Amino acid sequence: MHRTATRAMALAVLVLLALTLAACAAGPDTAAVGPGPGVAGFWLGLWHGVILPITFIVSLFDHGVGIYEIHNDGGWYDFGFVLGALIVFSGPLSSRRAVRGRSRTGSS
């Protein structure tokens, strides 16, 4: 029974985390009519890069959601977006290499 309760708690935490991240997904771009003070910069690009996996999944089902802010300041937004995506997607890869490296040293 203890094992079942632990799994149920872990599942509840994962669902809550997924819902929290989905709530942060970028919405329709209503400000894309021209330049102004509300353009997305580096920090918003970084945030959009971090939430990219969740936003992509939401955009498959809701055509009003975009994964990239088109009303941005150019290079700095792009840099933040790519950096945020790298942070998210390089995490599992680097931890995988570390585990693989430890198993090699332990077996020899």
PDB file of N, CA and C in Angstrom:
ATOM      1  N   MET A   1       0.824  -1.198   0.000  1.00  0.00           N
ATOM      2  CA  MET A   1       0.000   0.000   0.000  1.00  0.00           C
ATOM      3  C   MET A   1       0.865   1.258   0.000  1.00  0.00           C
ATOM      4  N   HIS A   2       1.966   1.227   0.691  1.00  0.00           N
ATOM      5  CA  HIS A   2       2.866   2.386   0.742  1.00  0.00           C
ATOM      6  C   HIS A   2       3.413   2.718  -0.635  1.00  0.00           C
ATOM      7  N   ARG A   3       3.750   1.690  -1.406  1.00  0.00           N
ATOM      8  CA  ARG A   3       4.289   1.893  -2.750  1.00  0.00           C
ATOM      9  C   ARG A   3       3.245   2.530  -3.673  1.00  0.00           C
ATOM     10  N   THR A   4       1.999   2.120  -3.548  1.00  0.00           N
ATOM     11  CA  THR A   4       0.917   2.671  -4.357  1.00  0.00           C
ATOM     12  C   THR A   4       0.687   4.144  -4.009  1.00  0.00           C
ATOM     13  N   ALA A   5       0.737   4.465  -2.736  1.00  0.00           N
ATOM     14  CA  ALA A   5       0.548   5.852  -2.312  1.00  0.00           C
ATOM     15  C   ALA A   5       1.681   6.729  -2.821  1.00  0.00           C
ATOM     16  N   THR A   6       2.896   6.217  -2.830  1.00  0.00           N
ATOM     17  CA  THR A   6       4.037   6.978  -3.333  1.00  0.00           C
ATOM     18  C   THR A   6       3.905   7.232  -4.825  1.00  0.00           C
ATOM     19  N   ARG A   7       3.478   6.233  -5.558  1.00  0.00           N
ATOM     20  CA  ARG A   7       3.284   6.404  -7.004  1.00  0.00           C
ATOM     21  C   ARG A   7       2.160   7.379  -7.305  1.00  0.00           C
ATOM     22  N   ALA A   8       1.094   7.302  -6.537  1.00  0.00           N
ATOM     23  CA  ALA A   8      -0.028   8.218  -6.729  1.00  0.00           C
ATOM     24  C   ALA A   8       0.401   9.655  -6.438  1.00  0.00           C
ATOM     25  N   MET A   9       1.202   9.844  -5.411  1.00  0.00           N
ATOM     26  CA  MET A   9       1.685  11.176  -5.072  1.00  0.00           C
ATOM     27  C   MET A   9       2.612  11.704  -6.177  1.00  0.00           C
ATOM     28  N   ALA A  10       3.478  10.851  -6.693  1.00  0.00           N
ATOM     29  CA  ALA A  10       4.382  11.264  -7.773  1.00  0.00           C
ATOM     30  C   ALA A  10       3.587  11.631  -9.025  1.00  0.00           C
ATOM     31  N   LEU A  11       2.561  10.859  -9.345  1.00  0.00           N
ATOM     32  CA  LEU A  11       1.719  11.165 -10.500  1.00  0.00           C
ATOM     33  C   LEU A  11       0.982  12.481 -10.304  1.00  0.00           C
ATOM     34  N   ALA A  12       0.484  12.718  -9.099  1.00  0.00           N
ATOM     35  CA  ALA A  12      -0.215  13.969  -8.819  1.00  0.00           C
ATOM     36  C   ALA A  12       0.718  15.167  -8.956  1.00  0.00           C
ATOM     37  N   VAL A  13       1.953  15.028  -8.504  1.00  0.00           N
ATOM     38  CA  VAL A  13       2.933  16.107  -8.625  1.00  0.00           C
ATOM     39  C   VAL A  13       3.261  16.366 -10.096  1.00  0.00           C
ATOM     40  N   LEU A  14       3.424  15.311 -10.896  1.00  0.00           N
ATOM     41  CA  LEU A  14       3.711  15.474 -12.318  1.00  0.00           C
ATOM     42  C   LEU A  14       2.563  16.158 -13.056  1.00  0.00           C
ATOM     43  N   VAL A  15       1.340  15.770 -12.748  1.00  0.00           N
ATOM     44  CA  VAL A  15       0.171  16.386 -13.386  1.00  0.00           C
ATOM     45  C   VAL A  15       0.083  17.858 -12.996  1.00  0.00           C
ATOM     46  N   LEU A  16       0.307  18.167 -11.725  1.00  0.00           N
ATOM     47  CA  LEU A  16       0.274  19.549 -11.265  1.00  0.00           C
ATOM     48  C   LEU A  16       1.367  20.373 -11.937  1.00  0.00           C
ATOM     49  N   LEU A  17       2.556  19.807 -12.080  1.00  0.00           N
ATOM     50  CA  LEU A  17       3.650  20.495 -12.751  1.00  0.00           C
ATOM     51  C   LEU A  17       3.328  20.745 -14.223  1.00  0.00           C
ATOM     52  N   ALA A  18       2.761  19.759 -14.901  1.00  0.00           N
ATOM     53  CA  ALA A  18       2.394  19.916 -16.311  1.00  0.00           C
ATOM     54  C   ALA A  18       1.322  20.991 -16.483  1.00  0.00           C
ATOM     55  N   LEU A  19       0.334  21.013 -15.598  1.00  0.00           N
ATOM     56  CA  LEU A  19      -0.708  22.038 -15.680  1.00  0.00           C
ATOM     57  C   LEU A  19      -0.148  23.430 -15.406  1.00  0.00           C
ATOM     58  N   THR A  20       0.781  23.523 -14.472  1.00  0.00           N
ATOM     59  CA  THR A  20       1.404  24.809 -14.165  1.00  0.00           C
ATOM     60  C   THR A  20       2.189  25.321 -15.359  1.00  0.00           C
ATOM     61  N   LEU A  21       2.968  24.447 -15.989  1.00  0.00           N
ATOM     62  CA  LEU A  21       3.741  24.859 -17.157  1.00  0.00           C
ATOM     63  C   LEU A  21       2.839  25.192 -18.343  1.00  0.00           C
ATOM     64  N   ALA A  22       1.747  24.458 -18.502  1.00  0.00           N
ATOM     65  CA  ALA A  22       0.826  24.739 -19.606  1.00  0.00           C
ATOM     66  C   ALA A  22       0.144  26.093 -19.425  1.00  0.00           C
ATOM     67  N   ALA A  23      -0.047  26.500 -18.201  1.00  0.00           N
ATOM     68  CA  ALA A  23      -0.658  27.801 -17.946  1.00  0.00           C
ATOM     69  C   ALA A  23       0.265  28.944 -18.343  1.00  0.00           C
ATOM     70  N   CYS A  24       1.551  28.660 -18.463  1.00  0.00           N
ATOM     71  CA  CYS A  24       2.533  29.687 -18.833  1.00  0.00           C
ATOM     72  C   CYS A  24       2.749  29.773 -20.337  1.00  0.00           C
ATOM     73  N   ALA A  25       2.062  28.987 -21.110  1.00  0.00           N
ATOM     74  CA  ALA A  25       2.280  28.953 -22.559  1.00  0.00           C
ATOM     75  C   ALA A  25       1.900  30.290 -23.190  1.00  0.00           C
ATOM     76  N   ALA A  26       2.639  30.644 -24.216  1.00  0.00           N
ATOM     77  CA  ALA A  26       2.376  31.901 -24.921  1.00  0.00           C
ATOM     78  C   ALA A  26       1.027  31.830 -25.622  1.00  0.00           C
ATOM     79  N   GLY A  27       0.314  32.930 -25.622  1.00  0.00           N
ATOM     80  CA  GLY A  27      -0.997  32.990 -26.254  1.00  0.00           C
ATOM     81  C   GLY A  27      -0.930  33.665 -27.604  1.00  0.00           C
ATOM     82  N   PRO A  28      -2.071  34.024 -28.152  1.00  0.00           N
ATOM     83  CA  PRO A  28      -2.075  34.701 -29.446  1.00  0.00           C
ATOM     84  C   PRO A  28      -1.402  36.064 -29.342  1.00  0.00           C
ATOM     85  N   ASP A  29      -0.754  36.472 -30.414  1.00  0.00           N
ATOM     86  CA  ASP A  29      -0.004  37.714 -30.413  1.00  0.00           C
ATOM     87  C   ASP A  29      -0.897  38.851 -30.897  1.00  0.00           C
ATOM     88  N   THR A  30      -1.518  39.541 -29.966  1.00  0.00           N
ATOM     89  CA  THR A  30      -2.427  40.632 -30.306  1.00  0.00           C
ATOM     90  C   THR A  30      -1.688  41.938 -30.542  1.00  0.00           C
ATOM     91  N   ALA A  31      -0.410  42.020 -30.171  1.00  0.00           N
ATOM     92  CA  ALA A  31       0.352  43.262 -30.309  1.00  0.00           C
ATOM     93  C   ALA A  31       1.242  43.254 -31.543  1.00  0.00           C
ATOM     94  N   ALA A  32       1.013  42.383 -32.497  1.00  0.00           N
ATOM     95  CA  ALA A  32       1.905  42.234 -33.642  1.00  0.00           C
ATOM     96  C   ALA A  32       1.636  43.232 -34.756  1.00  0.00           C
ATOM     97  N   VAL A  33       0.967  44.325 -34.454  1.00  0.00           N
ATOM     98  CA  VAL A  33       0.633  45.288 -35.494  1.00  0.00           C
ATOM     99  C   VAL A  33       1.770  46.255 -35.799  1.00  0.00           C
ATOM    100  N   GLY A  34       2.688  46.445 -34.922  1.00  0.00           N
ATOM    101  CA  GLY A  34       3.792  47.362 -35.185  1.00  0.00           C
ATOM    102  C   GLY A  34       4.670  47.522 -33.966  1.00  0.00           C
ATOM    103  N   PRO A  35       5.789  48.235 -34.135  1.00  0.00           N
ATOM    104  CA  PRO A  35       6.702  48.401 -33.008  1.00  0.00           C
ATOM    105  C   PRO A  35       6.097  49.277 -31.925  1.00  0.00           C
ATOM    106  N   GLY A  36       6.508  49.043 -30.722  1.00  0.00           N
ATOM    107  CA  GLY A  36       6.004  49.809 -29.592  1.00  0.00           C
ATOM    108  C   GLY A  36       6.767  49.438 -28.342  1.00  0.00           C
ATOM    109  N   PRO A  37       6.328  49.934 -27.207  1.00  0.00           N
ATOM    110  CA  PRO A  37       7.068  49.681 -25.968  1.00  0.00           C
ATOM    111  C   PRO A  37       6.928  48.250 -25.449  1.00  0.00           C
ATOM    112  N   GLY A  38       5.981  47.497 -25.943  1.00  0.00           N
ATOM    113  CA  GLY A  38       5.747  46.161 -25.414  1.00  0.00           C
ATOM    114  C   GLY A  38       6.390  45.039 -26.210  1.00  0.00           C
ATOM    115  N   VAL A  39       7.500  45.316 -26.896  1.00  0.00           N
ATOM    116  CA  VAL A  39       8.136  44.252 -27.670  1.00  0.00           C
ATOM    117  C   VAL A  39       8.867  43.298 -26.741  1.00  0.00           C
ATOM    118  N   ALA A  40       8.933  42.047 -27.152  1.00  0.00           N
ATOM    119  CA  ALA A  40       9.599  41.018 -26.354  1.00  0.00           C
ATOM    120  C   ALA A  40      11.105  41.152 -26.513  1.00  0.00           C
ATOM    121  N   GLY A  41      11.814  41.101 -25.404  1.00  0.00           N
ATOM    122  CA  GLY A  41      13.261  41.211 -25.404  1.00  0.00           C
ATOM    123  C   GLY A  41      13.924  39.909 -24.988  1.00  0.00           C
ATOM    124  N   PHE A  42      15.129  40.024 -24.491  1.00  0.00           N
ATOM    125  CA  PHE A  42      15.928  38.858 -24.119  1.00  0.00           C
ATOM    126  C   PHE A  42      15.233  37.993 -23.070  1.00  0.00           C
ATOM    127  N   TRP A  43      14.756  38.602 -21.994  1.00  0.00           N
ATOM    128  CA  TRP A  43      14.200  37.829 -20.878  1.00  0.00           C
ATOM    129  C   TRP A  43      12.931  37.089 -21.283  1.00  0.00           C
ATOM    130  N   LEU A  44      12.092  37.716 -22.061  1.00  0.00           N
ATOM    131  CA  LEU A  44      10.886  37.029 -22.532  1.00  0.00           C
ATOM    132  C   LEU A  44      11.250  35.930 -23.523  1.00  0.00           C
ATOM    133  N   GLY A  45      12.280  36.170 -24.342  1.00  0.00           N
ATOM    134  CA  GLY A  45      12.769  35.129 -25.240  1.00  0.00           C
ATOM    135  C   GLY A  45      13.308  33.937 -24.478  1.00  0.00           C
ATOM    136  N   LEU A  46      14.037  34.211 -23.391  1.00  0.00           N
ATOM    137  CA  LEU A  46      14.550  33.128 -22.544  1.00  0.00           C
ATOM    138  C   LEU A  46      13.403  32.314 -21.951  1.00  0.00           C
ATOM    139  N   TRP A  47      12.380  33.016 -21.457  1.00  0.00           N
ATOM    140  CA  TRP A  47      11.229  32.328 -20.879  1.00  0.00           C
ATOM    141  C   TRP A  47      10.500  31.498 -21.930  1.00  0.00           C
ATOM    142  N   HIS A  48      10.301  32.055 -23.121  1.00  0.00           N
ATOM    143  CA  HIS A  48       9.620  31.318 -24.188  1.00  0.00           C
ATOM    144  C   HIS A  48      10.435  30.104 -24.614  1.00  0.00           C
ATOM    145  N   GLY A  49      11.756  30.184 -24.574  1.00  0.00           N
ATOM    146  CA  GLY A  49      12.594  29.024 -24.874  1.00  0.00           C
ATOM    147  C   GLY A  49      12.464  27.935 -23.822  1.00  0.00           C
ATOM    148  N   VAL A  50      12.353  28.345 -22.552  1.00  0.00           N
ATOM    149  CA  VAL A  50      12.228  27.372 -21.461  1.00  0.00           C
ATOM    150  C   VAL A  50      10.888  26.632 -21.538  1.00  0.00           C
ATOM    151  N   ILE A  51       9.821  27.345 -21.866  1.00  0.00           N
ATOM    152  CA  ILE A  51       8.501  26.706 -21.910  1.00  0.00           C
ATOM    153  C   ILE A  51       8.174  26.146 -23.293  1.00  0.00           C
ATOM    154  N   LEU A  52       9.159  26.094 -24.178  1.00  0.00           N
ATOM    155  CA  LEU A  52       8.952  25.620 -25.548  1.00  0.00           C
ATOM    156  C   LEU A  52       8.301  24.230 -25.635  1.00  0.00           C
ATOM    157  N   PRO A  53       8.741  23.215 -24.883  1.00  0.00           N
ATOM    158  CA  PRO A  53       8.107  21.892 -25.032  1.00  0.00           C
ATOM    159  C   PRO A  53       6.612  21.904 -24.716  1.00  0.00           C
ATOM    160  N   ILE A  54       6.229  22.588 -23.654  1.00  0.00           N
ATOM    161  CA  ILE A  54       4.811  22.645 -23.274  1.00  0.00           C
ATOM    162  C   ILE A  54       4.029  23.461 -24.295  1.00  0.00           C
ATOM    163  N   THR A  55       4.594  24.599 -24.710  1.00  0.00           N
ATOM    164  CA  THR A  55       3.913  25.453 -25.687  1.00  0.00           C
ATOM    165  C   THR A  55       3.722  24.725 -27.007  1.00  0.00           C
ATOM    166  N   PHE A  56       4.706  23.945 -27.415  1.00  0.00           N
ATOM    167  CA  PHE A  56       4.580  23.197 -28.660  1.00  0.00           C
ATOM    168  C   PHE A  56       3.424  22.210 -28.587  1.00  0.00           C
ATOM    169  N   ILE A  57       3.315  21.489 -27.491  1.00  0.00           N
ATOM    170  CA  ILE A  57       2.228  20.510 -27.340  1.00  0.00           C
ATOM    171  C   ILE A  57       0.873  21.219 -27.357  1.00  0.00           C
ATOM    172  N   VAL A  58       0.778  22.346 -26.648  1.00  0.00           N
ATOM    173  CA  VAL A  58      -0.483  23.096 -26.631  1.00  0.00           C
ATOM    174  C   VAL A  58      -0.805  23.622 -28.028  1.00  0.00           C
ATOM    175  N   SER A  59       0.219  24.069 -28.775  1.00  0.00           N
ATOM    176  CA  SER A  59      -0.034  24.628 -30.105  1.00  0.00           C
ATOM    177  C   SER A  59      -0.527  23.582 -31.100  1.00  0.00           C
ATOM    178  N   LEU A  60      -0.287  22.314 -30.826  1.00  0.00           N
ATOM    179  CA  LEU A  60      -0.814  21.266 -31.702  1.00  0.00           C
ATOM    180  C   LEU A  60      -2.331  21.175 -31.634  1.00  0.00           C
ATOM    181  N   PHE A  61      -2.901  21.527 -30.485  1.00  0.00           N
ATOM    182  CA  PHE A  61      -4.338  21.406 -30.277  1.00  0.00           C
ATOM    183  C   PHE A  61      -5.075  22.742 -30.333  1.00  0.00           C
ATOM    184  N   ASP A  62      -4.363  23.846 -30.116  1.00  0.00           N
ATOM    185  CA  ASP A  62      -4.979  25.166 -30.129  1.00  0.00           C
ATOM    186  C   ASP A  62      -4.221  26.047 -31.122  1.00  0.00           C
ATOM    187  N   HIS A  63      -4.832  26.352 -32.243  1.00  0.00           N
ATOM    188  CA  HIS A  63      -4.164  27.094 -33.311  1.00  0.00           C
ATOM    189  C   HIS A  63      -3.946  28.562 -32.959  1.00  0.00           C
ATOM    190  N   GLY A  64      -4.527  29.027 -31.880  1.00  0.00           N
ATOM    191  CA  GLY A  64      -4.322  30.401 -31.439  1.00  0.00           C
ATOM    192  C   GLY A  64      -3.064  30.577 -30.608  1.00  0.00           C
ATOM    193  N   VAL A  65      -2.387  29.494 -30.279  1.00  0.00           N
ATOM    194  CA  VAL A  65      -1.180  29.549 -29.453  1.00  0.00           C
ATOM    195  C   VAL A  65       0.039  29.399 -30.345  1.00  0.00           C
ATOM    196  N   GLY A  66       0.975  30.306 -30.188  1.00  0.00           N
ATOM    197  CA  GLY A  66       2.214  30.243 -30.951  1.00  0.00           C
ATOM    198  C   GLY A  66       3.387  29.951 -30.027  1.00  0.00           C
ATOM    199  N   ILE A  67       4.441  29.390 -30.593  1.00  0.00           N
ATOM    200  CA  ILE A  67       5.610  29.069 -29.763  1.00  0.00           C
ATOM    201  C   ILE A  67       6.667  30.150 -29.846  1.00  0.00           C
ATOM    202  N   TYR A  68       6.487  31.134 -30.696  1.00  0.00           N
ATOM    203  CA  TYR A  68       7.488  32.171 -30.913  1.00  0.00           C
ATOM    204  C   TYR A  68       6.793  33.524 -30.974  1.00  0.00           C
ATOM    205  N   GLU A  69       7.283  34.477 -30.205  1.00  0.00           N
ATOM    206  CA  GLU A  69       6.712  35.821 -30.194  1.00  0.00           C
ATOM    207  C   GLU A  69       7.199  36.588 -31.419  1.00  0.00           C
ATOM    208  N   ILE A  70       6.273  36.927 -32.330  1.00  0.00           N
ATOM    209  CA  ILE A  70       6.694  37.602 -33.554  1.00  0.00           C
ATOM    210  C   ILE A  70       6.920  39.098 -33.346  1.00  0.00           C
ATOM    211  N   HIS A  71       6.425  39.639 -32.266  1.00  0.00           N
ATOM    212  CA  HIS A  71       6.610  41.056 -31.956  1.00  0.00           C
ATOM    213  C   HIS A  71       7.773  41.166 -30.968  1.00  0.00           C
ATOM    214  N   ASN A  72       9.002  41.035 -31.500  1.00  0.00           N
ATOM    215  CA  ASN A  72      10.176  41.027 -30.638  1.00  0.00           C
ATOM    216  C   ASN A  72      11.202  42.038 -31.118  1.00  0.00           C
ATOM    217  N   ASP A  73      12.280  42.186 -30.346  1.00  0.00           N
ATOM    218  CA  ASP A  73      13.293  43.183 -30.688  1.00  0.00           C
ATOM    219  C   ASP A  73      14.440  42.622 -31.524  1.00  0.00           C
ATOM    220  N   GLY A  74      14.285  41.432 -32.063  1.00  0.00           N
ATOM    221  CA  GLY A  74      15.282  40.887 -32.989  1.00  0.00           C
ATOM    222  C   GLY A  74      16.254  39.925 -32.348  1.00  0.00           C
ATOM    223  N   GLY A  75      17.532  40.247 -32.503  1.00  0.00           N
ATOM    224  CA  GLY A  75      18.595  39.328 -32.099  1.00  0.00           C
ATOM    225  C   GLY A  75      18.603  38.949 -30.632  1.00  0.00           C
ATOM    226  N   TRP A  76      18.321  39.902 -29.746  1.00  0.00           N
ATOM    227  CA  TRP A  76      18.349  39.567 -28.320  1.00  0.00           C
ATOM    228  C   TRP A  76      17.229  38.606 -27.943  1.00  0.00           C
ATOM    229  N   TYR A  77      16.046  38.791 -28.526  1.00  0.00           N
ATOM    230  CA  TYR A  77      14.959  37.838 -28.271  1.00  0.00           C
ATOM    231  C   TYR A  77      15.346  36.455 -28.803  1.00  0.00           C
ATOM    232  N   ASP A  78      15.890  36.410 -30.010  1.00  0.00           N
ATOM    233  CA  ASP A  78      16.301  35.132 -30.601  1.00  0.00           C
ATOM    234  C   ASP A  78      17.348  34.443 -29.729  1.00  0.00           C
ATOM    235  N   PHE A  79      18.334  35.212 -29.250  1.00  0.00           N
ATOM    236  CA  PHE A  79      19.374  34.651 -28.398  1.00  0.00           C
ATOM    237  C   PHE A  79      18.778  34.071 -27.116  1.00  0.00           C
ATOM    238  N   GLY A  80      17.868  34.811 -26.486  1.00  0.00           N
ATOM    239  CA  GLY A  80      17.209  34.311 -25.277  1.00  0.00           C
ATOM    240  C   GLY A  80      16.387  33.066 -25.544  1.00  0.00           C
ATOM    241  N   PHE A  81      15.684  33.053 -26.674  1.00  0.00           N
ATOM    242  CA  PHE A  81      14.852  31.908 -27.030  1.00  0.00           C
ATOM    243  C   PHE A  81      15.706  30.648 -27.212  1.00  0.00           C
ATOM    244  N   VAL A  82      16.800  30.783 -27.969  1.00  0.00           N
ATOM    245  CA  VAL A  82      17.675  29.634 -28.214  1.00  0.00           C
ATOM    246  C   VAL A  82      18.353  29.197 -26.916  1.00  0.00           C
ATOM    247  N   LEU A  83      18.790  30.143 -26.095  1.00  0.00           N
ATOM    248  CA  LEU A  83      19.422  29.805 -24.824  1.00  0.00           C
ATOM    249  C   LEU A  83      18.441  29.069 -23.910  1.00  0.00           C
ATOM    250  N   GLY A  84      17.200  29.536 -23.840  1.00  0.00           N
ATOM    251  CA  GLY A  84      16.191  28.865 -23.023  1.00  0.00           C
ATOM    252  C   GLY A  84      15.907  27.457 -23.513  1.00  0.00           C
ATOM    253  N   ALA A  85      15.819  27.289 -24.835  1.00  0.00           N
ATOM    254  CA  ALA A  85      15.597  25.951 -25.395  1.00  0.00           C
ATOM    255  C   ALA A  85      16.790  25.038 -25.103  1.00  0.00           C
ATOM    256  N   LEU A  86      18.000  25.574 -25.178  1.00  0.00           N
ATOM    257  CA  LEU A  86      19.188  24.778 -24.867  1.00  0.00           C
ATOM    258  C   LEU A  86      19.208  24.353 -23.409  1.00  0.00           C
ATOM    259  N   ILE A  87      18.789  25.226 -22.523  1.00  0.00           N
ATOM    260  CA  ILE A  87      18.738  24.886 -21.101  1.00  0.00           C
ATOM    261  C   ILE A  87      17.805  23.705 -20.876  1.00  0.00           C
ATOM    262  N   VAL A  88      16.646  23.749 -21.518  1.00  0.00           N
ATOM    263  CA  VAL A  88      15.662  22.679 -21.329  1.00  0.00           C
ATOM    264  C   VAL A  88      16.116  21.373 -21.970  1.00  0.00           C
ATOM    265  N   PHE A  89      16.575  21.439 -23.217  1.00  0.00           N
ATOM    266  CA  PHE A  89      16.869  20.215 -23.954  1.00  0.00           C
ATOM    267  C   PHE A  89      18.243  19.633 -23.672  1.00  0.00           C
ATOM    268  N   SER A  90      19.176  20.404 -23.121  1.00  0.00           N
ATOM    269  CA  SER A  90      20.494  19.841 -22.830  1.00  0.00           C
ATOM    270  C   SER A  90      20.546  19.203 -21.450  1.00  0.00           C
ATOM    271  N   GLY A  91      19.609  19.479 -20.577  1.00  0.00           N
ATOM    272  CA  GLY A  91      19.607  18.906 -19.232  1.00  0.00           C
ATOM    273  C   GLY A  91      19.572  17.391 -19.229  1.00  0.00           C
ATOM    274  N   PRO A  92      18.585  16.765 -19.889  1.00  0.00           N
ATOM    275  CA  PRO A  92      18.537  15.301 -19.888  1.00  0.00           C
ATOM    276  C   PRO A  92      19.745  14.670 -20.580  1.00  0.00           C
ATOM    277  N   LEU A  93      20.276  15.318 -21.600  1.00  0.00           N
ATOM    278  CA  LEU A  93      21.414  14.749 -22.313  1.00  0.00           C
ATOM    279  C   LEU A  93      22.672  14.750 -21.463  1.00  0.00           C
ATOM    280  N   SER A  94      22.924  15.849 -20.747  1.00  0.00           N
ATOM    281  CA  SER A  94      24.132  15.914 -19.939  1.00  0.00           C
ATOM    282  C   SER A  94      24.057  14.970 -18.748  1.00  0.00           C
ATOM    283  N   SER A  95      22.891  14.810 -18.146  1.00  0.00           N
ATOM    284  CA  SER A  95      22.777  13.888 -17.026  1.00  0.00           C
ATOM    285  C   SER A  95      22.901  12.448 -17.507  1.00  0.00           C
ATOM    286  N   ARG A  96      22.475  12.187 -18.730  1.00  0.00           N
ATOM    287  CA  ARG A  96      22.592  10.845 -19.288  1.00  0.00           C
ATOM    288  C   ARG A  96      24.061  10.477 -19.503  1.00  0.00           C
ATOM    289  N   ARG A  97      24.852  11.431 -19.988  1.00  0.00           N
ATOM    290  CA  ARG A  97      26.281  11.191 -20.177  1.00  0.00           C
ATOM    291  C   ARG A  97      26.979  10.953 -18.850  1.00  0.00           C
ATOM    292  N   ALA A  98      26.573  11.681 -17.823  1.00  0.00           N
ATOM    293  CA  ALA A  98      27.202  11.517 -16.515  1.00  0.00           C
ATOM    294  C   ALA A  98      26.928  10.128 -15.952  1.00  0.00           C
ATOM    295  N   VAL A  99      25.719   9.627 -16.117  1.00  0.00           N
ATOM    296  CA  VAL A  99      25.383   8.288 -15.623  1.00  0.00           C
ATOM    297  C   VAL A  99      26.150   7.235 -16.407  1.00  0.00           C
ATOM    298  N   ARG A 100      26.231   7.409 -17.721  1.00  0.00           N
ATOM    299  CA  ARG A 100      26.948   6.466 -18.553  1.00  0.00           C
ATOM    300  C   ARG A 100      28.436   6.436 -18.179  1.00  0.00           C
ATOM    301  N   GLY A 101      29.017   7.609 -17.900  1.00  0.00           N
ATOM    302  CA  GLY A 101      30.422   7.683 -17.516  1.00  0.00           C
ATOM    303  C   GLY A 101      30.692   7.021 -16.183  1.00  0.00           C
ATOM    304  N   ARG A 102      29.786   7.147 -15.231  1.00  0.00           N
ATOM    305  CA  ARG A 102      29.956   6.520 -13.913  1.00  0.00           C
ATOM    306  C   ARG A 102      29.875   5.004 -14.022  1.00  0.00           C
ATOM    307  N   SER A 103      28.994   4.480 -14.882  1.00  0.00           N
ATOM    308  CA  SER A 103      28.863   3.028 -14.986  1.00  0.00           C
ATOM    309  C   SER A 103      30.100   2.431 -15.610  1.00  0.00           C
ATOM    310  N   ARG A 104      30.784   3.147 -16.501  1.00  0.00           N
ATOM    311  CA  ARG A 104      32.012   2.641 -17.096  1.00  0.00           C
ATOM    312  C   ARG A 104      33.131   2.577 -16.075  1.00  0.00           C
ATOM    313  N   THR A 105      33.267   3.619 -15.246  1.00  0.00           N
ATOM    314  CA  THR A 105      34.338   3.620 -14.268  1.00  0.00           C
ATOM    315  C   THR A 105      34.080   2.616 -13.158  1.00  0.00           C
ATOM    316  N   GLY A 106      32.835   2.383 -12.848  1.00  0.00           N
ATOM    317  CA  GLY A 106      32.510   1.426 -11.796  1.00  0.00           C
ATOM    318  C   GLY A 106      32.719  -0.023 -12.215  1.00  0.00           C
ATOM    319  N   SER A 107      32.609  -0.330 -13.508  1.00  0.00           N
ATOM    320  CA  SER A 107      32.694  -1.711 -13.948  1.00  0.00           C
ATOM    321  C   SER A 107      34.124  -2.150 -14.240  1.00  0.00           C
ATOM    322  N   SER A 108      35.071  -1.210 -14.357  1.00  0.00           N
ATOM    323  CA  SER A 108      36.441  -1.600 -14.695  1.00  0.00           C
ATOM    324  C   SER A 108      37.318  -1.803 -13.501  1.00  0.00           C
TER     325      SER A 108
END
